[in-house]
């Protein structure tokens, strides 16, 4: 039976909608290929996602799992807490500003040949 390795990034200060643009590109790929593609993506979220995958690979090495056969089984982005701020407008009004956060979790699995 193949073991699964997980890693999580919580309260990442970037909206889930923007992070999902990056995660949709690498879901289901081999870890080596995903890391190469993350180097080429010019989005702000690609850096922390790359670091998260490398953390999951380090967790796999800690469990004595060969990192050459790992692939991304699932990569999910959920909404985190929203920080509410407000911007003052004309005539004494205020407009809300929602600073969104994301919870990113990755699950790696060893694909046996």
PDB file of N, CA and C in Angstrom:
ATOM      1  N   UNK A   1       0.833  -1.186   0.000  1.00  0.00           N
ATOM      2  CA  UNK A   1       0.000   0.000   0.000  1.00  0.00           C
ATOM      3  C   UNK A   1       0.876   1.247   0.000  1.00  0.00           C
ATOM      4  N   UNK A   2       0.491   2.216  -0.815  1.00  0.00           N
ATOM      5  CA  UNK A   2       1.268   3.447  -0.932  1.00  0.00           C
ATOM      6  C   UNK A   2       0.951   4.383   0.233  1.00  0.00           C
ATOM      7  N   UNK A   3       1.982   4.979   0.771  1.00  0.00           N
ATOM      8  CA  UNK A   3       1.801   5.912   1.876  1.00  0.00           C
ATOM      9  C   UNK A   3       1.576   7.314   1.339  1.00  0.00           C
ATOM     10  N   UNK A   4       0.841   8.099   2.100  1.00  0.00           N
ATOM     11  CA  UNK A   4       0.620   9.489   1.719  1.00  0.00           C
ATOM     12  C   UNK A   4       1.362  10.404   2.672  1.00  0.00           C
ATOM     13  N   UNK A   5       1.841  11.500   2.126  1.00  0.00           N
ATOM     14  CA  UNK A   5       2.592  12.493   2.879  1.00  0.00           C
ATOM     15  C   UNK A   5       1.854  13.808   2.744  1.00  0.00           C
ATOM     16  N   UNK A   6       1.676  14.526   3.840  1.00  0.00           N
ATOM     17  CA  UNK A   6       0.939  15.778   3.793  1.00  0.00           C
ATOM     18  C   UNK A   6       1.782  16.938   4.300  1.00  0.00           C
ATOM     19  N   UNK A   7       1.412  18.120   3.834  1.00  0.00           N
ATOM     20  CA  UNK A   7       1.979  19.369   4.337  1.00  0.00           C
ATOM     21  C   UNK A   7       0.906  20.439   4.173  1.00  0.00           C
ATOM     22  N   UNK A   8       0.878  21.398   5.109  1.00  0.00           N
ATOM     23  CA  UNK A   8      -0.160  22.429   5.079  1.00  0.00           C
ATOM     24  C   UNK A   8       0.455  23.807   5.277  1.00  0.00           C
ATOM     25  N   UNK A   9      -0.144  24.767   4.613  1.00  0.00           N
ATOM     26  CA  UNK A   9       0.207  26.175   4.785  1.00  0.00           C
ATOM     27  C   UNK A   9      -1.077  26.895   5.146  1.00  0.00           C
ATOM     28  N   UNK A  10      -1.108  27.484   6.336  1.00  0.00           N
ATOM     29  CA  UNK A  10      -2.327  28.149   6.795  1.00  0.00           C
ATOM     30  C   UNK A  10      -2.106  29.646   6.891  1.00  0.00           C
ATOM     31  N   UNK A  11      -3.202  30.384   6.743  1.00  0.00           N
ATOM     32  CA  UNK A  11      -3.229  31.842   6.839  1.00  0.00           C
ATOM     33  C   UNK A  11      -2.270  32.514   5.857  1.00  0.00           C
ATOM     34  N   UNK A  12      -2.190  31.996   4.635  1.00  0.00           N
ATOM     35  CA  UNK A  12      -1.374  32.636   3.596  1.00  0.00           C
ATOM     36  C   UNK A  12      -2.140  33.853   3.093  1.00  0.00           C
ATOM     37  N   UNK A  13      -1.539  35.023   3.181  1.00  0.00           N
ATOM     38  CA  UNK A  13      -2.214  36.277   2.879  1.00  0.00           C
ATOM     39  C   UNK A  13      -2.296  36.523   1.372  1.00  0.00           C
ATOM     40  N   UNK A  14      -3.091  35.709   0.717  1.00  0.00           N
ATOM     41  CA  UNK A  14      -3.345  35.842  -0.713  1.00  0.00           C
ATOM     42  C   UNK A  14      -4.711  35.224  -0.956  1.00  0.00           C
ATOM     43  N   UNK A  15      -5.471  35.773  -1.854  1.00  0.00           N
ATOM     44  CA  UNK A  15      -6.841  35.286  -2.016  1.00  0.00           C
ATOM     45  C   UNK A  15      -6.847  33.879  -2.619  1.00  0.00           C
ATOM     46  N   UNK A  16      -7.787  33.040  -2.190  1.00  0.00           N
ATOM     47  CA  UNK A  16      -7.847  31.665  -2.700  1.00  0.00           C
ATOM     48  C   UNK A  16      -8.052  31.595  -4.209  1.00  0.00           C
ATOM     49  N   UNK A  17      -8.776  32.534  -4.743  1.00  0.00           N
ATOM     50  CA  UNK A  17      -9.031  32.550  -6.189  1.00  0.00           C
ATOM     51  C   UNK A  17      -7.734  32.666  -6.987  1.00  0.00           C
ATOM     52  N   UNK A  18      -6.825  33.500  -6.516  1.00  0.00           N
ATOM     53  CA  UNK A  18      -5.548  33.684  -7.207  1.00  0.00           C
ATOM     54  C   UNK A  18      -4.611  32.502  -6.997  1.00  0.00           C
ATOM     55  N   UNK A  19      -4.670  31.902  -5.814  1.00  0.00           N
ATOM     56  CA  UNK A  19      -3.812  30.750  -5.526  1.00  0.00           C
ATOM     57  C   UNK A  19      -4.251  29.536  -6.347  1.00  0.00           C
ATOM     58  N   UNK A  20      -5.571  29.384  -6.545  1.00  0.00           N
ATOM     59  CA  UNK A  20      -6.081  28.249  -7.315  1.00  0.00           C
ATOM     60  C   UNK A  20      -5.624  28.280  -8.770  1.00  0.00           C
ATOM     61  N   UNK A  21      -5.347  29.463  -9.309  1.00  0.00           N
ATOM     62  CA  UNK A  21      -4.824  29.553 -10.674  1.00  0.00           C
ATOM     63  C   UNK A  21      -3.504  28.805 -10.803  1.00  0.00           C
ATOM     64  N   UNK A  22      -2.687  28.856  -9.767  1.00  0.00           N
ATOM     65  CA  UNK A  22      -1.384  28.187  -9.782  1.00  0.00           C
ATOM     66  C   UNK A  22      -1.541  26.702  -9.474  1.00  0.00           C
ATOM     67  N   UNK A  23      -2.358  26.370  -8.477  1.00  0.00           N
ATOM     68  CA  UNK A  23      -2.468  24.967  -8.066  1.00  0.00           C
ATOM     69  C   UNK A  23      -3.131  24.104  -9.136  1.00  0.00           C
ATOM     70  N   UNK A  24      -4.023  24.684  -9.930  1.00  0.00           N
ATOM     71  CA  UNK A  24      -4.673  23.910 -10.989  1.00  0.00           C
ATOM     72  C   UNK A  24      -3.691  23.455 -12.060  1.00  0.00           C
ATOM     73  N   UNK A  25      -2.596  24.179 -12.210  1.00  0.00           N
ATOM     74  CA  UNK A  25      -1.613  23.841 -13.245  1.00  0.00           C
ATOM     75  C   UNK A  25      -0.742  22.648 -12.875  1.00  0.00           C
ATOM     76  N   UNK A  26      -0.559  22.389 -11.587  1.00  0.00           N
ATOM     77  CA  UNK A  26       0.401  21.345 -11.189  1.00  0.00           C
ATOM     78  C   UNK A  26      -0.243  20.150 -10.503  1.00  0.00           C
ATOM     79  N   UNK A  27      -1.529  20.167 -10.319  1.00  0.00           N
ATOM     80  CA  UNK A  27      -2.213  19.060  -9.634  1.00  0.00           C
ATOM     81  C   UNK A  27      -2.082  17.770 -10.442  1.00  0.00           C
ATOM     82  N   UNK A  28      -1.705  16.667  -9.773  1.00  0.00           N
ATOM     83  CA  UNK A  28      -1.604  15.365 -10.419  1.00  0.00           C
ATOM     84  C   UNK A  28      -0.278  15.079 -11.102  1.00  0.00           C
ATOM     85  N   UNK A  29       0.668  15.998 -11.065  1.00  0.00           N
ATOM     86  CA  UNK A  29       1.948  15.803 -11.743  1.00  0.00           C
ATOM     87  C   UNK A  29       2.986  15.244 -10.781  1.00  0.00           C
ATOM     88  N   UNK A  30       4.080  14.754 -11.357  1.00  0.00           N
ATOM     89  CA  UNK A  30       5.207  14.316 -10.541  1.00  0.00           C
ATOM     90  C   UNK A  30       5.811  15.533  -9.856  1.00  0.00           C
ATOM     91  N   UNK A  31       6.402  15.304  -8.692  1.00  0.00           N
ATOM     92  CA  UNK A  31       6.933  16.397  -7.888  1.00  0.00           C
ATOM     93  C   UNK A  31       8.039  17.136  -8.628  1.00  0.00           C
ATOM     94  N   UNK A  32       8.937  16.410  -9.282  1.00  0.00           N
ATOM     95  CA  UNK A  32      10.033  17.045 -10.016  1.00  0.00           C
ATOM     96  C   UNK A  32       9.502  17.984 -11.084  1.00  0.00           C
ATOM     97  N   UNK A  33       8.517  17.499 -11.838  1.00  0.00           N
ATOM     98  CA  UNK A  33       7.931  18.285 -12.924  1.00  0.00           C
ATOM     99  C   UNK A  33       7.196  19.505 -12.377  1.00  0.00           C
ATOM    100  N   UNK A  34       6.483  19.327 -11.263  1.00  0.00           N
ATOM    101  CA  UNK A  34       5.733  20.430 -10.664  1.00  0.00           C
ATOM    102  C   UNK A  34       6.666  21.542 -10.185  1.00  0.00           C
ATOM    103  N   UNK A  35       7.795  21.168  -9.590  1.00  0.00           N
ATOM    104  CA  UNK A  35       8.744  22.177  -9.110  1.00  0.00           C
ATOM    105  C   UNK A  35       9.365  22.950 -10.264  1.00  0.00           C
ATOM    106  N   UNK A  36       9.627  22.275 -11.373  1.00  0.00           N
ATOM    107  CA  UNK A  36      10.163  22.957 -12.559  1.00  0.00           C
ATOM    108  C   UNK A  36       9.142  23.948 -13.102  1.00  0.00           C
ATOM    109  N   UNK A  37       7.876  23.518 -13.164  1.00  0.00           N
ATOM    110  CA  UNK A  37       6.837  24.402 -13.681  1.00  0.00           C
ATOM    111  C   UNK A  37       6.595  25.593 -12.764  1.00  0.00           C
ATOM    112  N   UNK A  38       6.717  25.397 -11.464  1.00  0.00           N
ATOM    113  CA  UNK A  38       6.526  26.501 -10.531  1.00  0.00           C
ATOM    114  C   UNK A  38       7.610  27.559 -10.679  1.00  0.00           C
ATOM    115  N   UNK A  39       8.808  27.149 -11.108  1.00  0.00           N
ATOM    116  CA  UNK A  39       9.865  28.125 -11.369  1.00  0.00           C
ATOM    117  C   UNK A  39       9.516  29.034 -12.538  1.00  0.00           C
ATOM    118  N   UNK A  40       8.741  28.512 -13.488  1.00  0.00           N
ATOM    119  CA  UNK A  40       8.420  29.261 -14.700  1.00  0.00           C
ATOM    120  C   UNK A  40       7.163  30.123 -14.570  1.00  0.00           C
ATOM    121  N   UNK A  41       6.320  29.837 -13.595  1.00  0.00           N
ATOM    122  CA  UNK A  41       5.073  30.576 -13.433  1.00  0.00           C
ATOM    123  C   UNK A  41       5.366  31.921 -12.779  1.00  0.00           C
ATOM    124  N   UNK A  42       4.893  32.990 -13.388  1.00  0.00           N
ATOM    125  CA  UNK A  42       5.137  34.328 -12.871  1.00  0.00           C
ATOM    126  C   UNK A  42       3.940  34.822 -12.062  1.00  0.00           C
ATOM    127  N   UNK A  43       3.609  34.083 -11.024  1.00  0.00           N
ATOM    128  CA  UNK A  43       2.549  34.481 -10.105  1.00  0.00           C
ATOM    129  C   UNK A  43       3.146  34.536  -8.709  1.00  0.00           C
ATOM    130  N   UNK A  44       2.623  35.417  -7.873  1.00  0.00           N
ATOM    131  CA  UNK A  44       3.145  35.580  -6.521  1.00  0.00           C
ATOM    132  C   UNK A  44       2.986  34.308  -5.692  1.00  0.00           C
ATOM    133  N   UNK A  45       1.926  33.557  -5.940  1.00  0.00           N
ATOM    134  CA  UNK A  45       1.634  32.367  -5.143  1.00  0.00           C
ATOM    135  C   UNK A  45       2.540  31.191  -5.474  1.00  0.00           C
ATOM    136  N   UNK A  46       3.267  31.241  -6.573  1.00  0.00           N
ATOM    137  CA  UNK A  46       4.091  30.089  -6.967  1.00  0.00           C
ATOM    138  C   UNK A  46       5.237  29.839  -5.989  1.00  0.00           C
ATOM    139  N   UNK A  47       5.775  30.875  -5.375  1.00  0.00           N
ATOM    140  CA  UNK A  47       6.876  30.717  -4.421  1.00  0.00           C
ATOM    141  C   UNK A  47       6.479  29.939  -3.175  1.00  0.00           C
ATOM    142  N   UNK A  48       5.429  30.370  -2.463  1.00  0.00           N
ATOM    143  CA  UNK A  48       5.020  29.619  -1.273  1.00  0.00           C
ATOM    144  C   UNK A  48       4.523  28.209  -1.582  1.00  0.00           C
ATOM    145  N   UNK A  49       3.913  28.007  -2.734  1.00  0.00           N
ATOM    146  CA  UNK A  49       3.459  26.660  -3.097  1.00  0.00           C
ATOM    147  C   UNK A  49       4.661  25.763  -3.350  1.00  0.00           C
ATOM    148  N   UNK A  50       5.685  26.299  -3.995  1.00  0.00           N
ATOM    149  CA  UNK A  50       6.907  25.534  -4.224  1.00  0.00           C
ATOM    150  C   UNK A  50       7.552  25.147  -2.891  1.00  0.00           C
ATOM    151  N   UNK A  51       7.592  26.092  -1.964  1.00  0.00           N
ATOM    152  CA  UNK A  51       8.171  25.836  -0.654  1.00  0.00           C
ATOM    153  C   UNK A  51       7.364  24.783   0.113  1.00  0.00           C
ATOM    154  N   UNK A  52       6.040  24.813  -0.058  1.00  0.00           N
ATOM    155  CA  UNK A  52       5.169  23.839   0.591  1.00  0.00           C
ATOM    156  C   UNK A  52       5.412  22.431   0.053  1.00  0.00           C
ATOM    157  N   UNK A  53       5.576  22.313  -1.263  1.00  0.00           N
ATOM    158  CA  UNK A  53       5.843  21.000  -1.870  1.00  0.00           C
ATOM    159  C   UNK A  53       7.205  20.483  -1.419  1.00  0.00           C
ATOM    160  N   UNK A  54       8.186  21.367  -1.342  1.00  0.00           N
ATOM    161  CA  UNK A  54       9.507  20.951  -0.864  1.00  0.00           C
ATOM    162  C   UNK A  54       9.446  20.502   0.595  1.00  0.00           C
ATOM    163  N   UNK A  55       8.580  21.119   1.378  1.00  0.00           N
ATOM    164  CA  UNK A  55       8.394  20.699   2.761  1.00  0.00           C
ATOM    165  C   UNK A  55       7.773  19.309   2.829  1.00  0.00           C
ATOM    166  N   UNK A  56       6.810  19.036   1.927  1.00  0.00           N
ATOM    167  CA  UNK A  56       6.198  17.709   1.887  1.00  0.00           C
ATOM    168  C   UNK A  56       7.213  16.653   1.467  1.00  0.00           C
ATOM    169  N   UNK A  57       8.112  17.002   0.543  1.00  0.00           N
ATOM    170  CA  UNK A  57       9.169  16.076   0.124  1.00  0.00           C
ATOM    171  C   UNK A  57      10.113  15.798   1.287  1.00  0.00           C
ATOM    172  N   UNK A  58      10.415  16.821   2.075  1.00  0.00           N
ATOM    173  CA  UNK A  58      11.260  16.626   3.259  1.00  0.00           C
ATOM    174  C   UNK A  58      10.568  15.719   4.265  1.00  0.00           C
ATOM    175  N   UNK A  59       9.238  15.851   4.385  1.00  0.00           N
ATOM    176  CA  UNK A  59       8.493  14.953   5.265  1.00  0.00           C
ATOM    177  C   UNK A  59       8.569  13.511   4.760  1.00  0.00           C
ATOM    178  N   UNK A  60       8.577  13.339   3.457  1.00  0.00           N
ATOM    179  CA  UNK A  60       8.679  11.996   2.874  1.00  0.00           C
ATOM    180  C   UNK A  60      10.048  11.389   3.154  1.00  0.00           C
ATOM    181  N   UNK A  61      11.091  12.205   3.036  1.00  0.00           N
ATOM    182  CA  UNK A  61      12.436  11.693   3.322  1.00  0.00           C
ATOM    183  C   UNK A  61      12.574  11.309   4.794  1.00  0.00           C
ATOM    184  N   UNK A  62      11.884  12.034   5.659  1.00  0.00           N
ATOM    185  CA  UNK A  62      11.903  11.726   7.085  1.00  0.00           C
ATOM    186  C   UNK A  62      11.268  10.365   7.363  1.00  0.00           C
ATOM    187  N   UNK A  63      10.296   9.985   6.531  1.00  0.00           N
ATOM    188  CA  UNK A  63       9.630   8.687   6.678  1.00  0.00           C
ATOM    189  C   UNK A  63      10.297   7.602   5.831  1.00  0.00           C
ATOM    190  N   UNK A  64      11.477   7.896   5.293  1.00  0.00           N
ATOM    191  CA  UNK A  64      12.264   6.951   4.496  1.00  0.00           C
ATOM    192  C   UNK A  64      11.530   6.527   3.218  1.00  0.00           C
ATOM    193  N   UNK A  65      10.891   7.480   2.557  1.00  0.00           N
ATOM    194  CA  UNK A  65      10.203   7.225   1.292  1.00  0.00           C
ATOM    195  C   UNK A  65      11.024   7.840   0.178  1.00  0.00           C
ATOM    196  N   UNK A  66      11.197   7.095  -0.905  1.00  0.00           N
ATOM    197  CA  UNK A  66      11.974   7.566  -2.047  1.00  0.00           C
ATOM    198  C   UNK A  66      11.253   8.735  -2.700  1.00  0.00           C
ATOM    199  N   UNK A  67      11.922   9.879  -2.789  1.00  0.00           N
ATOM    200  CA  UNK A  67      11.282  11.077  -3.330  1.00  0.00           C
ATOM    201  C   UNK A  67      11.232  11.097  -4.856  1.00  0.00           C
ATOM    202  N   UNK A  68      11.883  10.140  -5.517  1.00  0.00           N
ATOM    203  CA  UNK A  68      11.863  10.109  -6.984  1.00  0.00           C
ATOM    204  C   UNK A  68      10.518   9.647  -7.528  1.00  0.00           C
ATOM    205  N   UNK A  69       9.773   8.860  -6.769  1.00  0.00           N
ATOM    206  CA  UNK A  69       8.512   8.298  -7.241  1.00  0.00           C
ATOM    207  C   UNK A  69       7.292   9.053  -6.749  1.00  0.00           C
ATOM    208  N   UNK A  70       7.481  10.222  -6.145  1.00  0.00           N
ATOM    209  CA  UNK A  70       6.352  10.950  -5.579  1.00  0.00           C
ATOM    210  C   UNK A  70       5.609  11.753  -6.636  1.00  0.00           C
ATOM    211  N   UNK A  71       4.287  11.793  -6.496  1.00  0.00           N
ATOM    212  CA  UNK A  71       3.474  12.672  -7.323  1.00  0.00           C
ATOM    213  C   UNK A  71       2.446  13.365  -6.434  1.00  0.00           C
ATOM    214  N   UNK A  72       1.867  14.439  -6.951  1.00  0.00           N
ATOM    215  CA  UNK A  72       0.923  15.226  -6.178  1.00  0.00           C
ATOM    216  C   UNK A  72      -0.451  14.589  -6.302  1.00  0.00           C
ATOM    217  N   UNK A  73      -0.891  13.941  -5.237  1.00  0.00           N
ATOM    218  CA  UNK A  73      -2.183  13.263  -5.245  1.00  0.00           C
ATOM    219  C   UNK A  73      -3.318  14.282  -5.161  1.00  0.00           C
ATOM    220  N   UNK A  74      -3.216  15.213  -4.230  1.00  0.00           N
ATOM    221  CA  UNK A  74      -4.219  16.272  -4.146  1.00  0.00           C
ATOM    222  C   UNK A  74      -3.569  17.555  -3.668  1.00  0.00           C
ATOM    223  N   UNK A  75      -4.108  18.651  -4.138  1.00  0.00           N
ATOM    224  CA  UNK A  75      -3.615  19.979  -3.789  1.00  0.00           C
ATOM    225  C   UNK A  75      -4.845  20.866  -3.673  1.00  0.00           C
ATOM    226  N   UNK A  76      -5.215  21.217  -2.454  1.00  0.00           N
ATOM    227  CA  UNK A  76      -6.459  21.959  -2.266  1.00  0.00           C
ATOM    228  C   UNK A  76      -6.192  23.321  -1.648  1.00  0.00           C
ATOM    229  N   UNK A  77      -7.028  24.268  -2.038  1.00  0.00           N
ATOM    230  CA  UNK A  77      -6.951  25.628  -1.522  1.00  0.00           C
ATOM    231  C   UNK A  77      -8.308  25.972  -0.930  1.00  0.00           C
ATOM    232  N   UNK A  78      -8.321  26.274   0.357  1.00  0.00           N
ATOM    233  CA  UNK A  78      -9.554  26.636   1.045  1.00  0.00           C
ATOM    234  C   UNK A  78      -9.458  28.073   1.544  1.00  0.00           C
ATOM    235  N   UNK A  79     -10.618  28.646   1.821  1.00  0.00           N
ATOM    236  CA  UNK A  79     -10.642  29.998   2.347  1.00  0.00           C
ATOM    237  C   UNK A  79     -10.210  30.007   3.803  1.00  0.00           C
ATOM    238  N   UNK A  80      -9.445  31.019   4.157  1.00  0.00           N
ATOM    239  CA  UNK A  80      -9.069  31.214   5.541  1.00  0.00           C
ATOM    240  C   UNK A  80      -9.877  32.358   6.128  1.00  0.00           C
ATOM    241  N   UNK A  81      -9.398  32.886   7.216  1.00  0.00           N
ATOM    242  CA  UNK A  81     -10.071  34.019   7.854  1.00  0.00           C
ATOM    243  C   UNK A  81      -9.946  35.255   6.970  1.00  0.00           C
ATOM    244  N   UNK A  82     -10.956  36.096   7.008  1.00  0.00           N
ATOM    245  CA  UNK A  82     -10.949  37.336   6.230  1.00  0.00           C
ATOM    246  C   UNK A  82     -10.705  38.495   7.192  1.00  0.00           C
ATOM    247  N   UNK A  83      -9.713  39.313   6.867  1.00  0.00           N
ATOM    248  CA  UNK A  83      -9.434  40.506   7.664  1.00  0.00           C
ATOM    249  C   UNK A  83     -10.274  41.649   7.095  1.00  0.00           C
ATOM    250  N   UNK A  84     -11.118  42.239   7.907  1.00  0.00           N
ATOM    251  CA  UNK A  84     -11.982  43.315   7.445  1.00  0.00           C
ATOM    252  C   UNK A  84     -11.358  44.658   7.786  1.00  0.00           C
ATOM    253  N   UNK A  85     -11.217  45.482   6.792  1.00  0.00           N
ATOM    254  CA  UNK A  85     -10.734  46.850   6.941  1.00  0.00           C
ATOM    255  C   UNK A  85     -11.758  47.749   6.269  1.00  0.00           C
ATOM    256  N   UNK A  86     -11.579  49.048   6.401  1.00  0.00           N
ATOM    257  CA  UNK A  86     -12.493  49.931   5.691  1.00  0.00           C
ATOM    258  C   UNK A  86     -11.742  51.122   5.127  1.00  0.00           C
ATOM    259  N   UNK A  87     -12.256  51.611   4.049  1.00  0.00           N
ATOM    260  CA  UNK A  87     -11.695  52.786   3.382  1.00  0.00           C
ATOM    261  C   UNK A  87     -12.717  53.909   3.487  1.00  0.00           C
ATOM    262  N   UNK A  88     -12.271  55.053   3.906  1.00  0.00           N
ATOM    263  CA  UNK A  88     -13.160  56.193   4.050  1.00  0.00           C
ATOM    264  C   UNK A  88     -13.392  56.834   2.691  1.00  0.00           C
ATOM    265  N   UNK A  89     -14.664  57.170   2.435  1.00  0.00           N
ATOM    266  CA  UNK A  89     -15.061  57.725   1.151  1.00  0.00           C
ATOM    267  C   UNK A  89     -15.696  59.097   1.355  1.00  0.00           C
ATOM    268  N   UNK A  90     -16.202  59.637   0.284  1.00  0.00           N
ATOM    269  CA  UNK A  90     -16.809  60.970   0.325  1.00  0.00           C
ATOM    270  C   UNK A  90     -18.080  60.969   1.173  1.00  0.00           C
ATOM    271  N   UNK A  91     -18.420  62.128   1.683  1.00  0.00           N
ATOM    272  CA  UNK A  91     -19.638  62.361   2.461  1.00  0.00           C
ATOM    273  C   UNK A  91     -19.720  61.513   3.732  1.00  0.00           C
ATOM    274  N   UNK A  92     -18.597  61.200   4.315  1.00  0.00           N
ATOM    275  CA  UNK A  92     -18.577  60.490   5.578  1.00  0.00           C
ATOM    276  C   UNK A  92     -18.887  59.015   5.489  1.00  0.00           C
ATOM    277  N   UNK A  93     -18.866  58.443   4.305  1.00  0.00           N
ATOM    278  CA  UNK A  93     -19.169  57.021   4.137  1.00  0.00           C
ATOM    279  C   UNK A  93     -17.890  56.197   4.220  1.00  0.00           C
ATOM    280  N   UNK A  94     -18.072  54.901   4.398  1.00  0.00           N
ATOM    281  CA  UNK A  94     -16.936  53.977   4.353  1.00  0.00           C
ATOM    282  C   UNK A  94     -17.270  52.832   3.417  1.00  0.00           C
ATOM    283  N   UNK A  95     -16.247  52.270   2.814  1.00  0.00           N
ATOM    284  CA  UNK A  95     -16.398  51.109   1.953  1.00  0.00           C
ATOM    285  C   UNK A  95     -15.561  49.973   2.550  1.00  0.00           C
ATOM    286  N   UNK A  96     -16.092  48.754   2.561  1.00  0.00           N
ATOM    287  CA  UNK A  96     -15.340  47.649   3.171  1.00  0.00           C
ATOM    288  C   UNK A  96     -14.206  47.170   2.270  1.00  0.00           C
ATOM    289  N   UNK A  97     -13.145  46.752   2.914  1.00  0.00           N
ATOM    290  CA  UNK A  97     -12.032  46.097   2.227  1.00  0.00           C
ATOM    291  C   UNK A  97     -11.876  44.735   2.886  1.00  0.00           C
ATOM    292  N   UNK A  98     -11.908  43.673   2.077  1.00  0.00           N
ATOM    293  CA  UNK A  98     -11.759  42.323   2.605  1.00  0.00           C
ATOM    294  C   UNK A  98     -10.397  41.788   2.203  1.00  0.00           C
ATOM    295  N   UNK A  99      -9.537  41.585   3.175  1.00  0.00           N
ATOM    296  CA  UNK A  99      -8.217  41.019   2.895  1.00  0.00           C
ATOM    297  C   UNK A  99      -8.314  39.523   3.149  1.00  0.00           C
ATOM    298  N   UNK A 100      -8.316  38.754   2.078  1.00  0.00           N
ATOM    299  CA  UNK A 100      -8.587  37.325   2.161  1.00  0.00           C
ATOM    300  C   UNK A 100      -7.308  36.524   2.408  1.00  0.00           C
ATOM    301  N   UNK A 101      -7.484  35.383   3.075  1.00  0.00           N
ATOM    302  CA  UNK A 101      -6.364  34.483   3.319  1.00  0.00           C
ATOM    303  C   UNK A 101      -6.725  33.097   2.802  1.00  0.00           C
ATOM    304  N   UNK A 102      -5.701  32.256   2.646  1.00  0.00           N
ATOM    305  CA  UNK A 102      -5.887  30.916   2.102  1.00  0.00           C
ATOM    306  C   UNK A 102      -5.257  29.875   3.014  1.00  0.00           C
ATOM    307  N   UNK A 103      -5.868  28.694   2.998  1.00  0.00           N
ATOM    308  CA  UNK A 103      -5.283  27.507   3.615  1.00  0.00           C
ATOM    309  C   UNK A 103      -4.969  26.548   2.474  1.00  0.00           C
ATOM    310  N   UNK A 104      -3.699  26.203   2.304  1.00  0.00           N
ATOM    311  CA  UNK A 104      -3.270  25.324   1.211  1.00  0.00           C
ATOM    312  C   UNK A 104      -2.790  24.013   1.821  1.00  0.00           C
ATOM    313  N   UNK A 105      -3.266  22.902   1.274  1.00  0.00           N
ATOM    314  CA  UNK A 105      -2.792  21.599   1.747  1.00  0.00           C
ATOM    315  C   UNK A 105      -2.425  20.738   0.553  1.00  0.00           C
ATOM    316  N   UNK A 106      -1.313  20.026   0.697  1.00  0.00           N
ATOM    317  CA  UNK A 106      -0.823  19.164  -0.370  1.00  0.00           C
ATOM    318  C   UNK A 106      -0.684  17.745   0.176  1.00  0.00           C
ATOM    319  N   UNK A 107      -1.057  16.774  -0.642  1.00  0.00           N
ATOM    320  CA  UNK A 107      -0.911  15.363  -0.300  1.00  0.00           C
ATOM    321  C   UNK A 107      -0.095  14.718  -1.414  1.00  0.00           C
ATOM    322  N   UNK A 108       1.042  14.142  -1.041  1.00  0.00           N
ATOM    323  CA  UNK A 108       1.893  13.437  -1.990  1.00  0.00           C
ATOM    324  C   UNK A 108       1.718  11.943  -1.785  1.00  0.00           C
ATOM    325  N   UNK A 109       1.874  11.204  -2.868  1.00  0.00           N
ATOM    326  CA  UNK A 109       1.785   9.747  -2.771  1.00  0.00           C
ATOM    327  C   UNK A 109       2.873   9.136  -3.641  1.00  0.00           C
ATOM    328  N   UNK A 110       3.363   8.015  -3.180  1.00  0.00           N
ATOM    329  CA  UNK A 110       4.406   7.307  -3.926  1.00  0.00           C
ATOM    330  C   UNK A 110       3.754   6.436  -4.985  1.00  0.00           C
ATOM    331  N   UNK A 111       4.130   6.664  -6.216  1.00  0.00           N
ATOM    332  CA  UNK A 111       3.602   5.860  -7.318  1.00  0.00           C
ATOM    333  C   UNK A 111       4.564   4.706  -7.557  1.00  0.00           C
ATOM    334  N   UNK A 112       4.094   3.515  -7.303  1.00  0.00           N
ATOM    335  CA  UNK A 112       4.928   2.337  -7.464  1.00  0.00           C
ATOM    336  C   UNK A 112       4.973   1.934  -8.917  1.00  0.00           C
ATOM    337  N   UNK A 113       6.165   1.603  -9.384  1.00  0.00           N
ATOM    338  CA  UNK A 113       6.333   1.257 -10.797  1.00  0.00           C
ATOM    339  C   UNK A 113       6.153  -0.213 -11.031  1.00  0.00           C
TER     340      UNK A 113
END
